[in-house]
Amino acid sequence: MTKDLQQSATETGARPGSHPTLVNAGSAPEFNEMVQRRFGVLPSFFCSARSAPGLIEELWGFAKSAYLDNPMPAVFKERLLVHLSRFCEIRYCIVRHVGFLTSRPAGDGNAIPQSVDDVIALLERPIPDATMLAAAFERLSCSMLTAIPVPDSQSEFDLFDALTVVFLEPAHSEPAREAIKSALGEGIFEGLTAFLAFVRTIHFWSETHPELEYETDVLDMMEARPDLATLLLDPADAEQVKGGRKLREVLDDLHRTQAALRESEKRFRALALAGSSSVFRLSADWNETLQLSDFDQHKNTESVSGEWLSNHVDVADHEAARIAIKEAIESKTTFELEHRVQRSDGSLGWGRSRVVPILKQTGEIAEWFGTTSDITQRKEVEAALVINDERLQMALSASGQVGLWDWMVDTDLLHGDANFARLYGLDVERTANGLTMEQYQEFVVHDDLFALRSKIQDVFERGADFFIDYRLAIPGQPLKWVECKGRMLHGADGKPVRFSGTAIDITERKAAVQQKHLLMQELSHRVNNTFAVVQAIAFQSLRGLDREVVSAFQSRLIALSRAHDVLLRTDWKPTTLQELFHSVLRLETEGKQFKVDGPEVKVGPQAALSLSLLLHELMTNATKYGALSVDDGHVNVIWELAGDTFRLHWREVGGPPAVAPDRKGFGSVLVERGVVGARDVQLTYGPGGFTAEFCAPRERLAQ
């Protein structure tokens, strides 16, 4: 075995031999003793350059400052040196420093050496590709390390990969350098740079001094572990990166990948900002945050900040957030929370955070990716709705007469509030949970059911508005009247969602209307009696006077009485011209000689009385002197609305020629005053008969 190792060592540029006894021609025995005392062995490296006295001592000084006395942990330095020596074609350095790593790392007798298995695991790590390098750089940029990482940790591997790029391709190593500085700071980076310079120096020295012999201790180690020897003496890694070609290809690939990622991240930031969201990444333990984008809801932070909780969540919600974070980490599931946040201007807002875990192939959490959306406006609206709902419920409870209901289309169940349930004599809880149509109509009077269900059918089939009143016969209670109003509500897709409305107790209103109707009937009876008394008194008082005068007075009194009848039938509310004209004109010839036409127009009480007296006067004159004095005559009464003007046309047809009166009495004065005293009147007397046109502002008709 020893012979094979010696042969292999010769082929890889190193000479086998016993423990070195060579003494540099220019070195004092004290120097050799000092080196051996530090390493526990005298390396062949420090026994070279015999022809240049004093030179090797200078190299020793460089080794002490950059390697041995460099304040970084001894095991880290030795592991890094072994890792980088994989890329040196001459195998002396990697063999020698594996010997140091398993005995006295970096010449430190207090350091705990690594096992051969640890070394093999280190040597078998693959050379990183573009994806691995990108991930390593990203983790370093986010890690904010407080110290050199411990052996065999992810942070150590990431650092080794980044330092490999700096070591082999310094001109193309900017992303690696920035990642290292971000993780460890400028000072430690400069110390690492000096260390890399020393490694490059010893590699160059071994390549220019291929006669360096392996020491006895490492030969024994390789003989004891052939698997280790195979790895140490195999220059495959060095050949892969020879001339930097392989690594440059990886770096070019990485550059393209990172450019694409930067472009993608730029788009994502723009999308996040457009959506008023804060986008961030978190370390696996949530202790470190990388802010990708922000909205004004949060405090201003650097790209890499501390604990997410302190920067994104108001202190009032810390406890709830900690519980949710703990559950998310333990279950490796999505974190979701609505919480208060402190804005950069000091005001308090609301955010909705959703953070998802990114898992490694091993199933462990690598990092978290999350967004926080600004929901302040939604929360303010919700708070306002709660207040409005509370006020509405207070108002409804105070009235006790208005119930609210929602008839859900998908379940075909009606849900009512407590007022609705009490109004209909139903159980409050059952009504809130939902009732069928038959259940909620349990106490509706049977005679009213058909009309009620027809109205409901119109809502569901034609989308008609719902308005109806009906009776409730609740056992143990007086008969009750309710008035219901509602309509079908539709979703964003246009489909019906729910039929909602109100139910109002109108029992007292119905009773008041009935009482008012009785009073109006009584008033009508008494007014008619009064007119009869006035007529009798007038007849007695006017006895002996011109009979025509008495008849005219009585006719006018009757016209006034009929106008009152019309108004009483409508409770002294506005009536229509059709109803008024038919009531007055049927006094003579039962209206058979009249043709009445015009749009529906509402007139108030004062206008109704004025029109009644005017029509009566025109009708009386037509009966005495005009078209109504002959059997074939008739009168056309037509009205129209022209903008804001009301026009009434009276035209007599088929009667004798009309002659203007030679004197004016009360009747003529009444006609000339026109409608509601507007005095806009045109009278025409001609062979074809009498015509009149009356105009008045439309607004006066409402009087």
Foldseek 3Di string as FASTA:
>chain_A
DLVVLQVLLVVQLEHADEQDPAAQLQDDVVVQVVCCLLQVGRFLLLRDPSVDHPPSVVLVVLCCVQFLVLPADQLLLLLLLLLLCLQFSRLQSNLVSLLCQQQPRSSHNPDHHDDLVLSVVSLPDDQDFLVVLVVLLVCLLFAQAPGQDDPPDSVSVSLSNLVSCCLLPVVLNVSSLVSNCNRYNDVVSVSVVSNSVSSVVVSVSCVVNSHGHHYPSSSVVCVVPVVSSVSSSDSVNNVCCPVPPNVVVRSVVNVVVVVVVVVVLVVVQVVQVVQQKWKWKAALLQQKIATSHHHQQWADDDRIDTHPCVTFADPVCSVVQVVQSVVCSVVQAKGWDKGWHQGNVRDIFIWIKIKHFDADPVRHTGIIIMMIHTCRVVVVVVVVVVVVVVVVVVVCVVVLFKKKWKQFPVVRWIAIAQSLCVVQVHDHVDNNVTDHPCVSCVFFPPVCVVVQVVQVCCCVPVFDWHWDKGWGDHPPDPIWIKIKTWTFDADPVRHTTIIITMIGTCRVVVVVVVVLLVVLVVVLVVVVVVLVVVLVVLCVVCPPPDPVVNVVVNLLSVLLNQLSVVCSVVVQAWDWPVVLCQSLCCVPPHCPQEAEDEDTATFGSLLSSLVSNLVSLVNVCCCVARQVVDPPKHWYWYWYDDDQKIKIKIWIADIAFFDDDPDDDPSNVSNCCAGSSQSPKDWDTGRGTIMMMGMDGSVNRHD
